[in-house]
Structures are given as structure tokens and as C-alpha cells.
N, C-alpha and C. Protein backbone atom coordinates (compact mmCIF):
# COMPACT_ATOMS: atom_id res chain seq x y z
N MET A 1 117.21 82.14 79.49
CA MET A 1 116.06 81.79 78.68
C MET A 1 116.14 82.39 77.28
N SER A 2 116.89 83.49 77.11
CA SER A 2 116.97 84.11 75.80
C SER A 2 118.33 84.73 75.60
N ASP A 3 118.54 85.20 74.39
CA ASP A 3 119.77 85.92 74.06
C ASP A 3 119.46 87.40 73.98
N SER A 4 119.15 88.01 75.10
CA SER A 4 118.78 89.42 75.15
C SER A 4 119.97 90.31 74.85
N LYS A 5 119.69 91.51 74.37
CA LYS A 5 120.73 92.47 74.07
C LYS A 5 121.20 93.23 75.30
N HIS A 6 120.39 93.26 76.35
CA HIS A 6 120.75 94.05 77.53
C HIS A 6 121.83 93.34 78.36
N THR A 7 122.46 94.10 79.23
CA THR A 7 123.45 93.53 80.15
C THR A 7 122.73 92.55 81.06
N PRO A 8 123.25 91.33 81.17
CA PRO A 8 122.57 90.35 82.01
C PRO A 8 122.55 90.77 83.48
N GLY A 9 121.51 90.33 84.18
CA GLY A 9 121.41 90.59 85.61
C GLY A 9 122.24 89.61 86.38
N PRO A 10 122.26 89.70 87.68
CA PRO A 10 121.47 90.66 88.45
C PRO A 10 122.10 92.05 88.42
N TRP A 11 121.24 93.04 88.55
CA TRP A 11 121.70 94.42 88.66
C TRP A 11 121.61 94.82 90.12
N LYS A 12 122.58 95.57 90.57
CA LYS A 12 122.65 95.99 91.98
C LYS A 12 122.54 97.51 92.10
N ILE A 13 122.01 97.93 93.22
CA ILE A 13 121.91 99.36 93.54
C ILE A 13 123.06 99.71 94.48
N ARG A 14 123.70 100.83 94.22
CA ARG A 14 124.74 101.29 95.14
C ARG A 14 124.70 102.81 95.21
N LYS A 15 125.32 103.33 96.25
CA LYS A 15 125.40 104.77 96.40
C LYS A 15 126.54 105.29 95.53
N PRO A 16 126.48 106.56 95.12
CA PRO A 16 127.57 107.14 94.34
C PRO A 16 128.88 107.05 95.12
N LEU A 17 129.99 107.01 94.37
CA LEU A 17 131.30 106.90 95.01
C LEU A 17 131.64 108.12 95.85
N HIS A 18 131.19 109.28 95.43
CA HIS A 18 131.46 110.53 96.14
C HIS A 18 130.14 111.17 96.56
N PRO A 19 129.53 110.68 97.63
CA PRO A 19 128.20 111.18 98.00
C PRO A 19 128.16 112.65 98.35
N ASP A 20 129.30 113.25 98.72
CA ASP A 20 129.29 114.67 99.05
C ASP A 20 129.04 115.53 97.82
N GLN A 21 129.21 114.98 96.65
CA GLN A 21 129.01 115.72 95.41
C GLN A 21 127.61 115.50 94.82
N ARG A 22 126.81 114.67 95.47
CA ARG A 22 125.49 114.34 94.94
C ARG A 22 124.44 114.46 96.03
N GLN A 23 123.21 114.40 95.61
CA GLN A 23 122.10 114.35 96.56
C GLN A 23 122.22 113.07 97.38
N ILE A 24 121.76 113.09 98.59
CA ILE A 24 121.89 111.92 99.45
C ILE A 24 121.12 110.71 98.93
N GLU A 25 120.07 110.92 98.15
CA GLU A 25 119.25 109.81 97.66
C GLU A 25 119.66 109.31 96.28
N ASP A 26 120.64 109.94 95.61
CA ASP A 26 121.05 109.48 94.29
C ASP A 26 121.56 108.05 94.37
N ARG A 27 121.32 107.28 93.33
CA ARG A 27 121.74 105.89 93.29
C ARG A 27 122.32 105.54 91.93
N LEU A 28 123.21 104.56 91.93
CA LEU A 28 123.77 104.00 90.70
C LEU A 28 123.29 102.56 90.59
N ILE A 29 123.06 102.12 89.36
CA ILE A 29 122.70 100.73 89.13
C ILE A 29 123.85 100.13 88.33
N SER A 30 124.36 98.99 88.80
CA SER A 30 125.47 98.35 88.13
C SER A 30 125.25 96.85 88.05
N ALA A 31 126.05 96.22 87.20
CA ALA A 31 125.98 94.76 87.03
C ALA A 31 127.38 94.19 87.15
N GLY A 32 127.46 92.99 87.68
CA GLY A 32 128.74 92.30 87.74
C GLY A 32 129.83 93.12 88.39
N ASN A 33 130.94 93.22 87.72
CA ASN A 33 132.09 93.95 88.24
C ASN A 33 131.98 95.44 87.95
N ASN A 34 130.97 96.06 88.53
CA ASN A 34 130.73 97.49 88.41
C ASN A 34 130.53 97.95 86.97
N ILE A 35 129.82 97.16 86.20
CA ILE A 35 129.42 97.60 84.86
C ILE A 35 128.29 98.60 85.07
N HIS A 36 128.51 99.83 84.64
CA HIS A 36 127.57 100.91 84.88
C HIS A 36 126.34 100.72 83.99
N ILE A 37 125.16 100.67 84.62
CA ILE A 37 123.90 100.52 83.89
C ILE A 37 123.17 101.86 83.81
N ALA A 38 122.96 102.50 84.96
CA ALA A 38 122.17 103.73 85.00
C ALA A 38 122.47 104.51 86.27
N GLU A 39 122.11 105.77 86.24
CA GLU A 39 122.15 106.62 87.43
C GLU A 39 120.74 107.14 87.67
N VAL A 40 120.34 107.17 88.92
CA VAL A 40 119.02 107.67 89.28
C VAL A 40 119.22 108.81 90.25
N TYR A 41 118.65 109.96 89.93
CA TYR A 41 118.84 111.15 90.73
C TYR A 41 117.58 111.51 91.50
N GLN A 42 117.78 112.00 92.68
CA GLN A 42 116.66 112.54 93.46
C GLN A 42 116.22 113.84 92.79
N TYR A 43 114.94 114.04 92.70
CA TYR A 43 114.45 115.29 92.13
C TYR A 43 113.72 116.09 93.21
N GLN A 44 113.50 117.33 92.90
CA GLN A 44 112.70 118.16 93.78
C GLN A 44 111.42 118.51 93.06
N ASN A 45 110.33 118.57 93.82
CA ASN A 45 109.07 118.91 93.17
C ASN A 45 108.95 120.42 92.98
N HIS A 46 107.83 120.85 92.45
CA HIS A 46 107.66 122.24 92.04
C HIS A 46 107.83 123.25 93.17
N ASP A 47 107.61 122.89 94.41
CA ASP A 47 107.78 123.86 95.49
C ASP A 47 109.11 123.64 96.25
N ASN A 48 110.07 122.99 95.58
CA ASN A 48 111.43 122.80 96.06
C ASN A 48 111.57 121.86 97.26
N ARG A 49 110.55 121.08 97.56
CA ARG A 49 110.70 120.06 98.60
C ARG A 49 111.17 118.77 97.94
N GLU A 50 112.07 118.08 98.60
CA GLU A 50 112.55 116.82 98.04
C GLU A 50 111.44 115.77 98.05
N ALA A 51 111.41 114.98 97.03
CA ALA A 51 110.47 113.86 96.96
C ALA A 51 111.16 112.66 97.61
N ASN A 52 111.00 112.52 98.88
CA ASN A 52 111.73 111.53 99.66
C ASN A 52 111.54 110.11 99.14
N GLY A 53 112.65 109.44 98.92
CA GLY A 53 112.62 108.04 98.55
C GLY A 53 112.35 107.74 97.09
N THR A 54 112.08 108.75 96.29
CA THR A 54 111.74 108.50 94.89
C THR A 54 112.92 107.90 94.13
N ALA A 55 114.11 108.42 94.34
CA ALA A 55 115.28 107.90 93.62
C ALA A 55 115.52 106.44 93.98
N LEU A 56 115.42 106.10 95.24
CA LEU A 56 115.63 104.72 95.65
C LEU A 56 114.55 103.81 95.09
N ALA A 57 113.31 104.24 95.11
CA ALA A 57 112.21 103.44 94.55
C ALA A 57 112.41 103.23 93.04
N ASN A 58 112.80 104.28 92.33
CA ASN A 58 113.07 104.15 90.90
C ASN A 58 114.25 103.23 90.65
N ALA A 59 115.30 103.35 91.45
CA ALA A 59 116.48 102.49 91.31
C ALA A 59 116.11 101.03 91.54
N ARG A 60 115.27 100.76 92.52
CA ARG A 60 114.84 99.38 92.78
C ARG A 60 114.08 98.81 91.59
N LEU A 61 113.22 99.61 90.99
CA LEU A 61 112.45 99.16 89.84
C LEU A 61 113.39 98.87 88.66
N ILE A 62 114.33 99.75 88.39
CA ILE A 62 115.27 99.54 87.29
C ILE A 62 116.14 98.31 87.55
N ALA A 63 116.63 98.18 88.78
CA ALA A 63 117.50 97.05 89.11
C ALA A 63 116.76 95.72 88.99
N ALA A 64 115.46 95.73 89.17
CA ALA A 64 114.66 94.50 89.06
C ALA A 64 114.33 94.14 87.62
N ALA A 65 114.63 95.00 86.67
CA ALA A 65 114.22 94.80 85.28
C ALA A 65 114.63 93.46 84.69
N PRO A 66 115.86 92.99 84.83
CA PRO A 66 116.19 91.69 84.23
C PRO A 66 115.36 90.54 84.78
N GLU A 67 115.14 90.54 86.10
CA GLU A 67 114.34 89.49 86.70
C GLU A 67 112.87 89.59 86.29
N LEU A 68 112.35 90.82 86.19
CA LEU A 68 110.97 91.01 85.76
C LEU A 68 110.78 90.57 84.31
N LEU A 69 111.74 90.87 83.46
CA LEU A 69 111.66 90.44 82.06
C LEU A 69 111.68 88.92 81.97
N GLU A 70 112.55 88.29 82.73
CA GLU A 70 112.62 86.83 82.73
C GLU A 70 111.31 86.22 83.21
N ALA A 71 110.74 86.79 84.26
CA ALA A 71 109.46 86.30 84.78
C ALA A 71 108.35 86.44 83.74
N CYS A 72 108.34 87.57 83.04
CA CYS A 72 107.33 87.78 81.99
C CYS A 72 107.47 86.74 80.89
N LYS A 73 108.69 86.43 80.51
CA LYS A 73 108.91 85.44 79.46
C LYS A 73 108.45 84.05 79.90
N ARG A 74 108.69 83.71 81.16
CA ARG A 74 108.26 82.41 81.66
C ARG A 74 106.72 82.33 81.69
N VAL A 75 106.07 83.39 82.12
CA VAL A 75 104.60 83.40 82.12
C VAL A 75 104.08 83.34 80.69
N GLN A 76 104.73 84.07 79.79
CA GLN A 76 104.33 84.03 78.38
C GLN A 76 104.42 82.60 77.85
N ASP A 77 105.51 81.93 78.12
CA ASP A 77 105.67 80.54 77.66
C ASP A 77 104.59 79.65 78.25
N TRP A 78 104.30 79.85 79.53
CA TRP A 78 103.30 79.03 80.20
C TRP A 78 101.91 79.26 79.61
N LEU A 79 101.56 80.53 79.41
CA LEU A 79 100.24 80.85 78.85
C LEU A 79 100.10 80.38 77.41
N ASP A 80 101.22 80.28 76.73
CA ASP A 80 101.21 79.95 75.32
C ASP A 80 101.26 78.44 75.06
N THR A 81 101.39 77.63 76.09
CA THR A 81 101.53 76.19 75.89
C THR A 81 100.20 75.55 75.53
N SER A 82 100.29 74.56 74.69
CA SER A 82 99.08 73.83 74.30
C SER A 82 98.52 73.02 75.45
N SER A 83 99.37 72.63 76.42
CA SER A 83 98.87 71.85 77.55
C SER A 83 97.92 72.68 78.41
N LEU A 84 98.20 73.97 78.60
CA LEU A 84 97.29 74.83 79.36
C LEU A 84 95.96 74.95 78.61
N GLN A 85 96.03 75.14 77.32
CA GLN A 85 94.81 75.25 76.52
C GLN A 85 94.02 73.95 76.56
N ALA A 86 94.72 72.80 76.56
CA ALA A 86 94.03 71.51 76.62
C ALA A 86 93.29 71.34 77.93
N VAL A 87 93.90 71.78 79.03
CA VAL A 87 93.23 71.71 80.33
C VAL A 87 91.97 72.54 80.30
N LEU A 88 92.03 73.73 79.75
CA LEU A 88 90.86 74.59 79.68
C LEU A 88 89.75 73.95 78.83
N VAL A 89 90.13 73.35 77.75
CA VAL A 89 89.15 72.76 76.85
C VAL A 89 88.42 71.60 77.51
N HIS A 90 89.14 70.78 78.28
CA HIS A 90 88.55 69.57 78.84
C HIS A 90 87.97 69.75 80.24
N GLN A 91 88.34 70.80 80.94
CA GLN A 91 87.95 70.91 82.34
C GLN A 91 86.99 72.05 82.65
N THR A 92 86.52 72.75 81.65
CA THR A 92 85.75 73.95 81.92
C THR A 92 84.50 74.00 81.06
N GLU A 93 83.42 74.53 81.64
CA GLU A 93 82.17 74.75 80.90
C GLU A 93 82.41 75.78 79.80
N ALA A 94 81.68 75.68 78.71
CA ALA A 94 81.90 76.51 77.53
C ALA A 94 81.95 78.02 77.80
N PRO A 95 80.96 78.63 78.47
CA PRO A 95 81.03 80.09 78.67
C PRO A 95 82.24 80.50 79.51
N VAL A 96 82.54 79.72 80.55
CA VAL A 96 83.70 80.02 81.40
C VAL A 96 84.98 79.82 80.61
N LYS A 97 85.03 78.73 79.85
CA LYS A 97 86.20 78.44 79.03
C LYS A 97 86.48 79.59 78.07
N ASP A 98 85.44 80.06 77.39
CA ASP A 98 85.62 81.16 76.43
C ASP A 98 86.13 82.41 77.12
N ALA A 99 85.60 82.71 78.29
CA ALA A 99 86.06 83.89 79.04
C ALA A 99 87.52 83.73 79.47
N LEU A 100 87.88 82.53 79.92
CA LEU A 100 89.27 82.29 80.32
C LEU A 100 90.22 82.42 79.14
N ILE A 101 89.85 81.84 78.02
CA ILE A 101 90.70 81.91 76.83
C ILE A 101 90.87 83.35 76.38
N MET A 102 89.78 84.13 76.39
CA MET A 102 89.89 85.55 76.01
C MET A 102 90.77 86.31 77.00
N GLY A 103 90.62 86.02 78.29
CA GLY A 103 91.44 86.68 79.30
C GLY A 103 92.92 86.33 79.13
N ILE A 104 93.20 85.06 78.90
CA ILE A 104 94.59 84.64 78.68
C ILE A 104 95.15 85.32 77.44
N ALA A 105 94.38 85.36 76.38
CA ALA A 105 94.85 86.00 75.14
C ALA A 105 95.17 87.47 75.38
N SER A 106 94.31 88.14 76.14
CA SER A 106 94.53 89.55 76.44
C SER A 106 95.81 89.75 77.25
N HIS A 107 95.99 88.93 78.30
CA HIS A 107 97.20 89.05 79.12
C HIS A 107 98.44 88.67 78.33
N LEU A 108 98.32 87.69 77.46
CA LEU A 108 99.44 87.28 76.63
C LEU A 108 99.85 88.41 75.69
N THR A 109 98.88 89.11 75.14
CA THR A 109 99.17 90.25 74.28
C THR A 109 99.90 91.35 75.06
N THR A 110 99.46 91.60 76.28
CA THR A 110 100.12 92.60 77.13
C THR A 110 101.54 92.19 77.44
N LEU A 111 101.74 90.93 77.80
CA LEU A 111 103.09 90.43 78.07
C LEU A 111 103.98 90.55 76.85
N GLU A 112 103.47 90.16 75.71
CA GLU A 112 104.26 90.23 74.47
C GLU A 112 104.66 91.66 74.16
N ALA A 113 103.76 92.60 74.36
CA ALA A 113 104.07 94.01 74.11
C ALA A 113 105.15 94.51 75.07
N GLY A 114 105.05 94.15 76.33
CA GLY A 114 106.05 94.56 77.31
C GLY A 114 107.41 93.96 77.03
N ILE A 115 107.44 92.70 76.66
CA ILE A 115 108.69 92.02 76.32
C ILE A 115 109.31 92.67 75.09
N ALA A 116 108.50 92.93 74.08
CA ALA A 116 109.00 93.56 72.86
C ALA A 116 109.58 94.95 73.15
N LYS A 117 108.93 95.70 74.01
CA LYS A 117 109.43 97.02 74.38
C LYS A 117 110.78 96.90 75.10
N ALA A 118 110.90 95.92 75.99
CA ALA A 118 112.14 95.73 76.73
C ALA A 118 113.28 95.28 75.84
N GLU A 119 112.96 94.54 74.79
CA GLU A 119 114.01 93.99 73.93
C GLU A 119 114.19 94.75 72.63
N ALA A 120 113.51 95.86 72.47
CA ALA A 120 113.62 96.63 71.21
C ALA A 120 115.02 97.15 71.00
């Protein structure tokens, strides 16, 4: 959908090559033929107990980033189309229509900010 600067997805999660040298929950995120994207490390909280599953949850979120960005762009395009606005204008009572348009504008602004942050 776009010419993004980031490494194209899909991104995959894998365990480190030498798990004996790392925490058991550490994860690597890679793309394609093992193009290294990021490393996610398990951390310990203030009383030295491991935060179980945090590294894997963070790795899943990072690995989903290309697909989430693409989804945001598709929703942005959909919300921004004149056909959606035309449906609202012709099919909705004035107070409801105004509320819907304001809500769409607000969500569109949020999407645009998130997309801009991802592509900065």
C-alpha cells in the first residue's frame, strides 16, 4: 500500500541461537531470510522476580507492527473516502450525523498521528 522506510513484513519471532547464554524468555524478531529487526529481553522487576511472559508479549507486539500499520492505513483510507461521508450525509439525522462525523474526524486524527509516528 505504501513505500515505507521500514523492513517489509511479515516479521517473525524466534528464540536466540544460543539460549544458554540468554534468559529463557528472550526473543529475536526477524524478517525474511533472518534479517535482524530487534531483540526483546526478559526483565526482572524491582524485587528480582521475573516478569513472566513479558518478553514474548512485547515480541508479539513488535512482530505485528507491519500488519498493524497496514491495517491503520486501510482504515484511514476508508474513513477518508468521500463515499463514506456521502452515506452519512444522506442516511443519517442531522444531530447523529454531526456526532458521527466528529467521531470519525477524531479517530482519523489519531490514526494519522500513529501512522506518522511509525513512518517518521
